[in-house]
Amino acid sequence: MRHKDPELMRQINTFIGEFYASHDRTPSTTEIARKFGIARSTSQNYLVAMNERGMLSYTGGVLQVEHMDKIRTERTKAPLVGSVPCGELTCEEENVECVTTLPTEIFGDGPFYLLHASGDSMEDEGIEDGDLVVVKMENSPKKGDLVIALDAEQRNTLKKYGGINRKNRKAMLLYCNQDVYGDKVIYVDHLECQGVVSHVIKRK
């Protein structure tokens, strides 16, 4: 067998692992050839040589690289359902823009949905206008959770849940931008939580 470039072998090995992580399968010899600008037969010869050197397993046309067992491919679906205001309570209709998937290794198990954050009232919590918030469907928030709240008039907002006020027994939704809103609080007679923010995906 002709001499094989060790660096190209390493690159092919890395590509197979990355491809597996993204597509939940290994690439074909044609896809490997296209990636590195080589002939399909050359791609196959490289896989045979790498198998002989113990860099991967290539038996019966089935590829397996050493670090594939460390790659977590489990993902959970999460619809992007429009925007949520980080400000005064407003009427918003749910509008599914698209459905994406989130790796469970990072985000955990759902169910989740995504929202565009709108406004500036949550900046002290690191949520800015245009950010994506990952919301876990949960209707029993703890004090201090960032929640998507819905009141009796079907108005929603993203705020920090401040618990129940001892004097008026109403649920408190806290603004989190001290410079702009100070200690402003929204009181609702009944808090209907549509989810708790688990992660923030920055717009930039």
Protein backbone atom coordinates (compact mmCIF):
# COMPACT_ATOMS: atom_id res chain seq x y z
CA MET A 1 0.00 0.00 0.00
CA ARG A 2 1.30 3.44 -0.95
CA HIS A 3 2.51 5.87 1.69
CA LYS A 4 -0.30 7.61 3.54
CA ASP A 5 -0.04 11.12 4.93
CA PRO A 6 -0.19 10.89 8.77
CA GLU A 7 -1.62 14.40 9.03
CA LEU A 8 -4.44 13.56 6.62
CA MET A 9 -5.12 10.44 8.65
CA ARG A 10 -5.45 12.55 11.77
CA GLN A 11 -7.75 14.99 10.02
CA ILE A 12 -9.95 12.20 8.70
CA ASN A 13 -10.16 10.69 12.16
CA THR A 14 -11.23 14.03 13.65
CA PHE A 15 -13.72 14.63 10.86
CA ILE A 16 -15.39 11.27 11.43
CA GLY A 17 -15.88 12.06 15.12
CA GLU A 18 -17.23 15.56 14.44
CA PHE A 19 -19.52 14.28 11.68
CA TYR A 20 -20.89 11.63 14.01
CA ALA A 21 -21.61 14.22 16.69
CA SER A 22 -23.51 16.43 14.22
CA HIS A 23 -25.37 13.80 12.20
CA ASP A 24 -25.66 10.82 14.56
CA ARG A 25 -23.94 8.62 11.97
CA THR A 26 -20.51 8.20 10.45
CA PRO A 27 -19.69 9.74 7.05
CA SER A 28 -19.58 7.70 3.87
CA THR A 29 -16.38 7.30 1.90
CA THR A 30 -17.88 9.71 -0.64
CA GLU A 31 -18.48 12.35 2.05
CA ILE A 32 -14.93 11.92 3.34
CA ALA A 33 -13.56 12.22 -0.18
CA ARG A 34 -15.59 15.38 -0.80
CA LYS A 35 -14.43 16.92 2.48
CA PHE A 36 -10.72 16.48 1.72
CA GLY A 37 -10.78 16.79 -2.07
CA ILE A 38 -9.61 13.24 -2.76
CA ALA A 39 -10.96 10.38 -4.84
CA ARG A 40 -13.47 8.01 -3.27
CA SER A 41 -11.06 5.11 -3.77
CA THR A 42 -8.34 7.10 -2.00
CA SER A 43 -10.71 7.78 0.87
CA GLN A 44 -11.43 4.08 1.19
CA ASN A 45 -7.72 3.21 1.04
CA TYR A 46 -7.03 5.65 3.86
CA LEU A 47 -9.70 4.04 6.01
CA VAL A 48 -8.18 0.61 5.37
CA ALA A 49 -4.72 1.92 6.30
CA MET A 50 -6.04 3.60 9.44
CA ASN A 51 -7.78 0.37 10.41
CA GLU A 52 -4.48 -1.50 10.03
CA ARG A 53 -2.74 1.06 12.25
CA GLY A 54 -5.42 0.80 14.93
CA MET A 55 -6.57 4.40 14.49
CA LEU A 56 -10.16 3.30 13.90
CA SER A 57 -12.23 0.25 13.15
CA TYR A 58 -13.29 -0.24 9.55
CA THR A 59 -14.81 -3.68 9.22
CA GLY A 60 -17.47 -4.60 6.73
CA GLY A 61 -17.80 -0.98 5.70
CA VAL A 62 -18.71 0.08 9.26
CA LEU A 63 -16.69 2.93 10.78
CA GLN A 64 -15.91 3.33 14.46
CA VAL A 65 -13.42 5.79 15.98
CA GLU A 66 -12.12 5.61 19.51
CA HIS A 67 -13.76 8.74 20.92
CA MET A 68 -17.22 8.04 19.43
CA ASP A 69 -18.32 6.38 22.67
CA LYS A 70 -17.62 9.68 24.46
CA ILE A 71 -19.83 11.69 22.14
CA ARG A 72 -23.32 12.32 23.42
CA THR A 73 -25.81 12.51 20.55
CA GLU A 74 -29.06 12.61 22.52
CA ARG A 75 -31.06 15.71 21.70
CA THR A 76 -34.46 17.05 22.68
CA LYS A 77 -36.80 19.06 20.46
CA ALA A 78 -37.54 22.67 21.39
CA PRO A 79 -39.92 24.90 19.41
CA LEU A 80 -39.14 28.60 19.02
CA VAL A 81 -42.46 30.22 19.86
CA GLY A 82 -42.01 33.93 19.27
CA SER A 83 -41.04 36.53 21.84
CA VAL A 84 -41.66 37.43 25.46
CA PRO A 85 -41.47 40.99 26.82
CA CYS A 86 -38.99 41.83 29.56
CA GLY A 87 -41.15 44.73 30.66
CA GLU A 88 -44.81 45.44 31.30
CA LEU A 89 -47.29 42.62 30.97
CA THR A 90 -48.50 42.39 27.37
CA CYS A 91 -50.74 40.18 25.27
CA GLU A 92 -48.72 37.75 23.14
CA GLU A 93 -50.00 34.95 20.95
CA GLU A 94 -47.85 31.86 20.69
CA ASN A 95 -46.38 31.58 17.22
CA VAL A 96 -44.11 28.65 16.39
CA GLU A 97 -41.35 30.01 14.17
CA CYS A 98 -39.38 26.77 13.91
CA VAL A 99 -38.43 23.66 15.83
CA THR A 100 -34.81 23.06 16.80
CA THR A 101 -33.03 20.49 18.95
CA LEU A 102 -30.90 20.95 22.05
CA PRO A 103 -28.17 18.54 23.22
CA THR A 104 -29.30 16.92 26.47
CA GLU A 105 -25.68 16.74 27.64
CA ILE A 106 -25.73 20.54 27.97
CA PHE A 107 -29.38 21.45 28.53
CA GLY A 108 -30.65 18.36 30.31
CA ASP A 109 -34.00 16.70 29.69
CA GLY A 110 -36.97 18.80 28.61
CA PRO A 111 -39.52 19.53 27.61
CA PHE A 112 -38.23 22.94 26.53
CA TYR A 113 -39.27 25.80 24.30
CA LEU A 114 -37.40 28.91 23.13
CA LEU A 115 -38.36 32.58 23.19
CA HIS A 116 -36.82 35.81 21.96
CA ALA A 117 -36.32 38.20 24.88
CA SER A 118 -37.65 41.70 24.24
CA GLY A 119 -36.86 44.73 26.39
CA ASP A 120 -34.36 45.69 29.08
CA SER A 121 -35.92 44.80 32.43
CA MET A 122 -33.83 41.62 32.94
CA GLU A 123 -30.38 42.96 32.15
CA ASP A 124 -29.11 42.48 35.72
CA GLU A 125 -29.77 38.77 35.18
CA GLY A 126 -27.75 38.78 31.95
CA ILE A 127 -30.76 38.74 29.63
CA GLU A 128 -30.69 41.44 26.96
CA ASP A 129 -33.01 42.43 24.15
CA GLY A 130 -32.76 39.89 21.33
CA ASP A 131 -31.32 37.04 23.40
CA LEU A 132 -32.86 33.60 23.16
CA VAL A 133 -34.09 32.12 26.42
CA VAL A 134 -34.43 28.38 26.86
CA VAL A 135 -37.50 27.70 28.96
CA LYS A 136 -38.20 24.43 30.72
CA MET A 137 -41.89 23.69 31.04
CA GLU A 138 -42.51 23.95 34.77
CA ASN A 139 -45.55 25.33 36.59
CA SER A 140 -44.23 25.29 40.17
CA PRO A 141 -41.39 27.82 40.30
CA LYS A 142 -39.22 28.46 43.33
CA LYS A 143 -38.55 31.92 44.69
CA GLY A 144 -35.73 33.44 42.67
CA ASP A 145 -36.49 31.54 39.46
CA LEU A 146 -36.76 33.47 36.21
CA VAL A 147 -40.22 32.67 34.93
CA ILE A 148 -42.52 33.13 31.98
CA ALA A 149 -45.59 34.36 33.82
CA LEU A 150 -49.16 34.50 32.60
CA ASP A 151 -51.86 36.34 34.52
CA ALA A 152 -55.64 35.97 34.52
CA GLU A 153 -55.91 38.34 31.50
CA GLN A 154 -53.57 36.13 29.44
CA ARG A 155 -50.77 38.66 29.55
CA ASN A 156 -47.26 37.34 29.78
CA THR A 157 -43.82 38.57 30.76
CA LEU A 158 -40.36 37.36 31.70
CA LYS A 159 -39.51 38.27 35.30
CA LYS A 160 -37.89 36.93 38.47
CA TYR A 161 -40.37 35.25 40.77
CA GLY A 162 -40.23 36.98 44.15
CA GLY A 163 -42.58 34.67 46.03
CA ILE A 164 -45.82 35.69 47.74
CA ASN A 165 -46.05 39.11 49.36
CA ARG A 166 -46.88 38.73 53.05
CA LYS A 167 -49.15 41.79 53.18
CA ASN A 168 -51.36 41.46 50.13
CA ARG A 169 -50.80 37.71 49.47
CA LYS A 170 -50.12 38.40 45.82
CA ALA A 171 -47.37 36.85 43.71
CA MET A 172 -44.45 39.18 42.97
CA LEU A 173 -42.76 39.49 39.60
CA LEU A 174 -39.54 41.43 39.99
CA TYR A 175 -37.78 43.69 37.50
CA CYS A 176 -34.05 43.04 37.27
CA ASN A 177 -32.58 46.30 36.02
CA GLN A 178 -31.87 48.43 39.07
CA ASP A 179 -30.54 51.43 37.12
CA VAL A 180 -33.69 51.79 35.02
CA TYR A 181 -36.53 50.37 37.11
CA GLY A 182 -35.25 50.45 40.66
CA ASP A 183 -37.25 48.10 42.90
CA LYS A 184 -40.31 47.97 40.65
CA VAL A 185 -42.57 44.95 41.18
CA ILE A 186 -45.58 43.56 39.33
CA TYR A 187 -48.20 42.00 41.62
CA VAL A 188 -50.57 39.36 40.27
CA ASP A 189 -53.47 37.76 42.11
CA HIS A 190 -52.70 34.38 40.62
CA LEU A 191 -49.41 33.40 39.06
CA GLU A 192 -49.67 30.94 36.22
CA CYS A 193 -46.13 29.92 35.36
CA GLN A 194 -45.57 28.74 31.80
CA GLY A 195 -41.98 27.74 32.40
CA VAL A 196 -38.69 28.51 34.11
CA VAL A 197 -35.68 29.90 32.25
CA SER A 198 -32.90 27.31 32.26
CA HIS A 199 -30.37 28.85 29.85
CA VAL A 200 -29.75 32.05 27.91
CA ILE A 201 -28.32 31.99 24.39
CA LYS A 202 -26.71 35.35 23.69
CA ARG A 203 -27.55 37.12 20.47
CA LYS A 204 -23.89 38.00 19.95
